Amino acid sequence: AGLLTGDKVMSYNACVTQFFFFVAFI
């Protein structure tokens, strides 16, 4: 999405969520 739209902003909560699930699955 960032590459297509150029939108590189991620909310604090979205960052927390992404980090949590990435670590959990890894």
PDB file of all heavy atoms in Angstrom:
ATOM      1  N   ALA A   1       0.833  -1.210   0.000  1.00  0.00           N
ATOM      2  CA  ALA A   1       0.000   0.000   0.000  1.00  0.00           C
ATOM      3  C   ALA A   1       0.863   1.254   0.000  1.00  0.00           C
ATOM      4  O   ALA A   1       0.564   2.233  -0.699  1.00  0.00           O
ATOM      5  CB  ALA A   1      -0.931  -0.002   1.213  1.00  0.00           C
ATOM      6  N   GLY A   2       1.957   1.226   0.771  1.00  0.00           N
ATOM      7  CA  GLY A   2       2.867   2.369   0.811  1.00  0.00           C
ATOM      8  C   GLY A   2       3.537   2.628  -0.524  1.00  0.00           C
ATOM      9  O   GLY A   2       3.697   3.779  -0.946  1.00  0.00           O
ATOM     10  N   LEU A   3       3.919   1.550  -1.209  1.00  0.00           N
ATOM     11  CA  LEU A   3       4.545   1.699  -2.524  1.00  0.00           C
ATOM     12  C   LEU A   3       3.556   2.217  -3.566  1.00  0.00           C
ATOM     13  O   LEU A   3       3.915   3.003  -4.448  1.00  0.00           O
ATOM     14  CB  LEU A   3       5.129   0.362  -2.984  1.00  0.00           C
ATOM     15  CG  LEU A   3       6.367  -0.137  -2.221  1.00  0.00           C
ATOM     16  CD1 LEU A   3       6.648  -1.586  -2.577  1.00  0.00           C
ATOM     17  CD2 LEU A   3       7.587   0.729  -2.521  1.00  0.00           C
ATOM     18  N   LEU A   4       2.304   1.785  -3.465  1.00  0.00           N
ATOM     19  CA  LEU A   4       1.303   2.159  -4.461  1.00  0.00           C
ATOM     20  C   LEU A   4       0.772   3.573  -4.251  1.00  0.00           C
ATOM     21  O   LEU A   4       0.632   4.344  -5.202  1.00  0.00           O
ATOM     22  CB  LEU A   4       0.143   1.159  -4.428  1.00  0.00           C
ATOM     23  CG  LEU A   4      -0.940   1.338  -5.489  1.00  0.00           C
ATOM     24  CD1 LEU A   4      -0.362   1.129  -6.897  1.00  0.00           C
ATOM     25  CD2 LEU A   4      -2.086   0.368  -5.247  1.00  0.00           C
ATOM     26  N   THR A   5       0.496   3.934  -3.000  1.00  0.00           N
ATOM     27  CA  THR A   5      -0.138   5.230  -2.718  1.00  0.00           C
ATOM     28  C   THR A   5       0.831   6.290  -2.202  1.00  0.00           C
ATOM     29  O   THR A   5       0.508   7.478  -2.209  1.00  0.00           O
ATOM     30  CB  THR A   5      -1.253   5.050  -1.666  1.00  0.00           C
ATOM     31  OG1 THR A   5      -0.665   4.628  -0.420  1.00  0.00           O
ATOM     32  CG2 THR A   5      -2.266   4.004  -2.123  1.00  0.00           C
ATOM     33  N   GLY A   6       1.990   5.846  -1.739  1.00  0.00           N
ATOM     34  CA  GLY A   6       2.945   6.782  -1.152  1.00  0.00           C
ATOM     35  C   GLY A   6       2.634   7.128   0.296  1.00  0.00           C
ATOM     36  O   GLY A   6       3.340   7.926   0.919  1.00  0.00           O
ATOM     37  N   ASP A   7       1.595   6.537   0.862  1.00  0.00           N
ATOM     38  CA  ASP A   7       1.218   6.790   2.252  1.00  0.00           C
ATOM     39  C   ASP A   7       2.090   5.937   3.174  1.00  0.00           C
ATOM     40  O   ASP A   7       1.932   4.715   3.233  1.00  0.00           O
ATOM     41  CB  ASP A   7      -0.261   6.464   2.463  1.00  0.00           C
ATOM     42  CG  ASP A   7      -0.712   6.730   3.894  1.00  0.00           C
ATOM     43  OD1 ASP A   7       0.032   7.414   4.625  1.00  0.00           O
ATOM     44  OD2 ASP A   7      -1.796   6.250   4.279  1.00  0.00           O
ATOM     45  N   LYS A   8       2.994   6.579   3.888  1.00  0.00           N
ATOM     46  CA  LYS A   8       3.919   5.863   4.754  1.00  0.00           C
ATOM     47  C   LYS A   8       3.610   6.049   6.236  1.00  0.00           C
ATOM     48  O   LYS A   8       4.389   5.659   7.094  1.00  0.00           O
ATOM     49  CB  LYS A   8       5.351   6.329   4.465  1.00  0.00           C
ATOM     50  CG  LYS A   8       5.798   6.031   3.032  1.00  0.00           C
ATOM     51  CD  LYS A   8       7.228   6.456   2.792  1.00  0.00           C
ATOM     52  CE  LYS A   8       7.674   6.117   1.374  1.00  0.00           C
ATOM     53  NZ  LYS A   8       9.068   6.494   1.120  1.00  0.00           N
ATOM     54  N   VAL A   9       2.476   6.663   6.530  1.00  0.00           N
ATOM     55  CA  VAL A   9       2.096   6.928   7.917  1.00  0.00           C
ATOM     56  C   VAL A   9       1.405   5.694   8.512  1.00  0.00           C
ATOM     57  O   VAL A   9       0.534   5.094   7.889  1.00  0.00           O
ATOM     58  CB  VAL A   9       1.162   8.148   8.008  1.00  0.00           C
ATOM     59  CG1 VAL A   9       0.711   8.372   9.453  1.00  0.00           C
ATOM     60  CG2 VAL A   9       1.857   9.401   7.474  1.00  0.00           C
ATOM     61  N   MET A  10       1.812   5.334   9.724  1.00  0.00           N
ATOM     62  CA  MET A  10       1.171   4.251  10.461  1.00  0.00           C
ATOM     63  C   MET A  10       0.877   4.741  11.870  1.00  0.00           C
ATOM     64  O   MET A  10       1.765   5.287  12.534  1.00  0.00           O
ATOM     65  CB  MET A  10       2.066   3.006  10.499  1.00  0.00           C
ATOM     66  CG  MET A  10       1.494   1.858  11.308  1.00  0.00           C
ATOM     67  SD  MET A  10       2.517   0.367  11.274  1.00  0.00           S
ATOM     68  CE  MET A  10       1.953  -0.399   9.760  1.00  0.00           C
ATOM     69  N   SER A  11      -0.346   4.570  12.308  1.00  0.00           N
ATOM     70  CA  SER A  11      -0.708   5.023  13.653  1.00  0.00           C
ATOM     71  C   SER A  11       0.050   4.221  14.710  1.00  0.00           C
ATOM     72  O   SER A  11       0.530   3.107  14.446  1.00  0.00           O
ATOM     73  CB  SER A  11      -2.214   4.883  13.868  1.00  0.00           C
ATOM     74  OG  SER A  11      -2.571   3.511  13.974  1.00  0.00           O
ATOM     75  N   TYR A  12       0.158   4.792  15.889  1.00  0.00           N
ATOM     76  CA  TYR A  12       0.849   4.135  17.006  1.00  0.00           C
ATOM     77  C   TYR A  12       0.235   2.768  17.290  1.00  0.00           C
ATOM     78  O   TYR A  12       0.945   1.763  17.416  1.00  0.00           O
ATOM     79  CB  TYR A  12       0.773   5.031  18.241  1.00  0.00           C
ATOM     80  CG  TYR A  12       1.535   4.536  19.440  1.00  0.00           C
ATOM     81  CD1 TYR A  12       2.854   4.904  19.655  1.00  0.00           C
ATOM     82  CD2 TYR A  12       0.928   3.688  20.382  1.00  0.00           C
ATOM     83  CE1 TYR A  12       3.555   4.443  20.765  1.00  0.00           C
ATOM     84  CE2 TYR A  12       1.618   3.228  21.485  1.00  0.00           C
ATOM     85  CZ  TYR A  12       2.931   3.610  21.675  1.00  0.00           C
ATOM     86  OH  TYR A  12       3.620   3.151  22.776  1.00  0.00           O
ATOM     87  N   ASN A  13      -1.093   2.712  17.353  1.00  0.00           N
ATOM     88  CA  ASN A  13      -1.776   1.450  17.654  1.00  0.00           C
ATOM     89  C   ASN A  13      -1.591   0.421  16.543  1.00  0.00           C
ATOM     90  O   ASN A  13      -1.453  -0.784  16.815  1.00  0.00           O
ATOM     91  CB  ASN A  13      -3.264   1.696  17.884  1.00  0.00           C
ATOM     92  CG  ASN A  13      -3.537   2.422  19.195  1.00  0.00           C
ATOM     93  OD1 ASN A  13      -2.731   2.354  20.126  1.00  0.00           O
ATOM     94  ND2 ASN A  13      -4.659   3.130  19.275  1.00  0.00           N
ATOM     95  N   ALA A  14      -1.595   0.896  15.285  1.00  0.00           N
ATOM     96  CA  ALA A  14      -1.377  -0.021  14.160  1.00  0.00           C
ATOM     97  C   ALA A  14       0.036  -0.586  14.200  1.00  0.00           C
ATOM     98  O   ALA A  14       0.258  -1.766  13.895  1.00  0.00           O
ATOM     99  CB  ALA A  14      -1.615   0.706  12.835  1.00  0.00           C
ATOM    100  N   CYS A  15       0.989   0.240  14.601  1.00  0.00           N
ATOM    101  CA  CYS A  15       2.383  -0.209  14.730  1.00  0.00           C
ATOM    102  C   CYS A  15       2.499  -1.268  15.822  1.00  0.00           C
ATOM    103  O   CYS A  15       3.155  -2.297  15.629  1.00  0.00           O
ATOM    104  CB  CYS A  15       3.277   0.994  15.042  1.00  0.00           C
ATOM    105  SG  CYS A  15       5.042   0.617  15.080  1.00  0.00           S
ATOM    106  N   VAL A  16       1.845  -1.024  16.952  1.00  0.00           N
ATOM    107  CA  VAL A  16       1.837  -2.000  18.048  1.00  0.00           C
ATOM    108  C   VAL A  16       1.234  -3.321  17.587  1.00  0.00           C
ATOM    109  O   VAL A  16       1.775  -4.404  17.846  1.00  0.00           O
ATOM    110  CB  VAL A  16       1.046  -1.452  19.262  1.00  0.00           C
ATOM    111  CG1 VAL A  16       0.902  -2.533  20.331  1.00  0.00           C
ATOM    112  CG2 VAL A  16       1.727  -0.233  19.847  1.00  0.00           C
ATOM    113  N   THR A  17       0.109  -3.232  16.873  1.00  0.00           N
ATOM    114  CA  THR A  17      -0.590  -4.438  16.402  1.00  0.00           C
ATOM    115  C   THR A  17       0.268  -5.215  15.413  1.00  0.00           C
ATOM    116  O   THR A  17       0.385  -6.453  15.507  1.00  0.00           O
ATOM    117  CB  THR A  17      -1.929  -4.054  15.739  1.00  0.00           C
ATOM    118  OG1 THR A  17      -2.721  -3.323  16.677  1.00  0.00           O
ATOM    119  CG2 THR A  17      -2.685  -5.287  15.290  1.00  0.00           C
ATOM    120  N   GLN A  18       0.871  -4.504  14.453  1.00  0.00           N
ATOM    121  CA  GLN A  18       1.722  -5.173  13.464  1.00  0.00           C
ATOM    122  C   GLN A  18       2.894  -5.876  14.136  1.00  0.00           C
ATOM    123  O   GLN A  18       3.198  -7.039  13.837  1.00  0.00           O
ATOM    124  CB  GLN A  18       2.243  -4.163  12.444  1.00  0.00           C
ATOM    125  CG  GLN A  18       3.059  -4.804  11.332  1.00  0.00           C
ATOM    126  CD  GLN A  18       3.705  -3.777  10.413  1.00  0.00           C
ATOM    127  OE1 GLN A  18       4.535  -2.978  10.830  1.00  0.00           O
ATOM    128  NE2 GLN A  18       3.323  -3.807   9.147  1.00  0.00           N
ATOM    129  N   PHE A  19       3.545  -5.179  15.053  1.00  0.00           N
ATOM    130  CA  PHE A  19       4.689  -5.745  15.766  1.00  0.00           C
ATOM    131  C   PHE A  19       4.278  -6.981  16.570  1.00  0.00           C
ATOM    132  O   PHE A  19       4.963  -8.012  16.534  1.00  0.00           O
ATOM    133  CB  PHE A  19       5.291  -4.685  16.700  1.00  0.00           C
ATOM    134  CG  PHE A  19       6.478  -5.162  17.484  1.00  0.00           C
ATOM    135  CD1 PHE A  19       7.733  -5.214  16.915  1.00  0.00           C
ATOM    136  CD2 PHE A  19       6.337  -5.574  18.809  1.00  0.00           C
ATOM    137  CE1 PHE A  19       8.840  -5.660  17.635  1.00  0.00           C
ATOM    138  CE2 PHE A  19       7.423  -6.023  19.533  1.00  0.00           C
ATOM    139  CZ  PHE A  19       8.678  -6.064  18.945  1.00  0.00           C
ATOM    140  N   PHE A  20       3.142  -6.889  17.263  1.00  0.00           N
ATOM    141  CA  PHE A  20       2.681  -7.999  18.097  1.00  0.00           C
ATOM    142  C   PHE A  20       2.447  -9.263  17.274  1.00  0.00           C
ATOM    143  O   PHE A  20       2.951 -10.335  17.617  1.00  0.00           O
ATOM    144  CB  PHE A  20       1.394  -7.603  18.825  1.00  0.00           C
ATOM    145  CG  PHE A  20       0.802  -8.710  19.658  1.00  0.00           C
ATOM    146  CD1 PHE A  20       1.241  -8.930  20.952  1.00  0.00           C
ATOM    147  CD2 PHE A  20      -0.189  -9.539  19.146  1.00  0.00           C
ATOM    148  CE1 PHE A  20       0.709  -9.962  21.724  1.00  0.00           C
ATOM    149  CE2 PHE A  20      -0.724 -10.570  19.904  1.00  0.00           C
ATOM    150  CZ  PHE A  20      -0.269 -10.777  21.201  1.00  0.00           C
ATOM    151  N   PHE A  21       1.685  -9.144  16.186  1.00  0.00           N
ATOM    152  CA  PHE A  21       1.352 -10.335  15.401  1.00  0.00           C
ATOM    153  C   PHE A  21       2.559 -10.866  14.644  1.00  0.00           C
ATOM    154  O   PHE A  21       2.708 -12.089  14.475  1.00  0.00           O
ATOM    155  CB  PHE A  21       0.190 -10.040  14.456  1.00  0.00           C
ATOM    156  CG  PHE A  21      -1.142 -10.048  15.147  1.00  0.00           C
ATOM    157  CD1 PHE A  21      -1.805  -8.866  15.436  1.00  0.00           C
ATOM    158  CD2 PHE A  21      -1.724 -11.231  15.550  1.00  0.00           C
ATOM    159  CE1 PHE A  21      -3.025  -8.867  16.098  1.00  0.00           C
ATOM    160  CE2 PHE A  21      -2.946 -11.257  16.217  1.00  0.00           C
ATOM    161  CZ  PHE A  21      -3.595 -10.071  16.491  1.00  0.00           C
ATOM    162  N   PHE A  22       3.436  -9.979  14.197  1.00  0.00           N
ATOM    163  CA  PHE A  22       4.657 -10.439  13.535  1.00  0.00           C
ATOM    164  C   PHE A  22       5.488 -11.295  14.482  1.00  0.00           C
ATOM    165  O   PHE A  22       5.904 -12.406  14.137  1.00  0.00           O
ATOM    166  CB  PHE A  22       5.475  -9.240  13.046  1.00  0.00           C
ATOM    167  CG  PHE A  22       6.830  -9.611  12.520  1.00  0.00           C
ATOM    168  CD1 PHE A  22       6.961 -10.255  11.298  1.00  0.00           C
ATOM    169  CD2 PHE A  22       7.975  -9.316  13.246  1.00  0.00           C
ATOM    170  CE1 PHE A  22       8.216 -10.616  10.818  1.00  0.00           C
ATOM    171  CE2 PHE A  22       9.231  -9.670  12.770  1.00  0.00           C
ATOM    172  CZ  PHE A  22       9.351 -10.320  11.556  1.00  0.00           C
ATOM    173  N   VAL A  23       5.717 -10.798  15.711  1.00  0.00           N
ATOM    174  CA  VAL A  23       6.511 -11.540  16.697  1.00  0.00           C
ATOM    175  C   VAL A  23       5.812 -12.839  17.090  1.00  0.00           C
ATOM    176  O   VAL A  23       6.447 -13.890  17.224  1.00  0.00           O
ATOM    177  CB  VAL A  23       6.786 -10.670  17.943  1.00  0.00           C
ATOM    178  CG1 VAL A  23       7.484 -11.484  19.035  1.00  0.00           C
ATOM    179  CG2 VAL A  23       7.638  -9.464  17.570  1.00  0.00           C
ATOM    180  N   ALA A  24       4.485 -12.781  17.255  1.00  0.00           N
ATOM    181  CA  ALA A  24       3.732 -13.974  17.663  1.00  0.00           C
ATOM    182  C   ALA A  24       3.882 -15.096  16.637  1.00  0.00           C
ATOM    183  O   ALA A  24       4.182 -16.247  16.991  1.00  0.00           O
ATOM    184  CB  ALA A  24       2.256 -13.624  17.841  1.00  0.00           C
ATOM    185  N   PHE A  25       3.686 -14.776  15.360  1.00  0.00           N
ATOM    186  CA  PHE A  25       3.753 -15.808  14.329  1.00  0.00           C
ATOM    187  C   PHE A  25       5.183 -16.289  14.083  1.00  0.00           C
ATOM    188  O   PHE A  25       5.411 -17.478  13.835  1.00  0.00           O
ATOM    189  CB  PHE A  25       3.132 -15.294  13.032  1.00  0.00           C
ATOM    190  CG  PHE A  25       1.627 -15.245  13.065  1.00  0.00           C
ATOM    191  CD1 PHE A  25       0.938 -14.051  12.869  1.00  0.00           C
ATOM    192  CD2 PHE A  25       0.885 -16.387  13.295  1.00  0.00           C
ATOM    193  CE1 PHE A  25      -0.448 -14.002  12.904  1.00  0.00           C
ATOM    194  CE2 PHE A  25      -0.504 -16.360  13.341  1.00  0.00           C
ATOM    195  CZ  PHE A  25      -1.167 -15.160  13.142  1.00  0.00           C
ATOM    196  N   ILE A  26       6.154 -15.363  14.166  1.00  0.00           N
ATOM    197  CA  ILE A  26       7.552 -15.755  13.985  1.00  0.00           C
ATOM    198  C   ILE A  26       7.981 -16.717  15.093  1.00  0.00           C
ATOM    199  O   ILE A  26       8.660 -17.722  14.844  1.00  0.00           O
ATOM    200  CB  ILE A  26       8.466 -14.505  13.982  1.00  0.00           C
ATOM    201  CG1 ILE A  26       8.391 -13.800  12.619  1.00  0.00           C
ATOM    202  CG2 ILE A  26       9.905 -14.874  14.281  1.00  0.00           C
ATOM    203  CD1 ILE A  26       9.078 -14.535  11.492  1.00  0.00           C
TER     204      ILE A  26
END
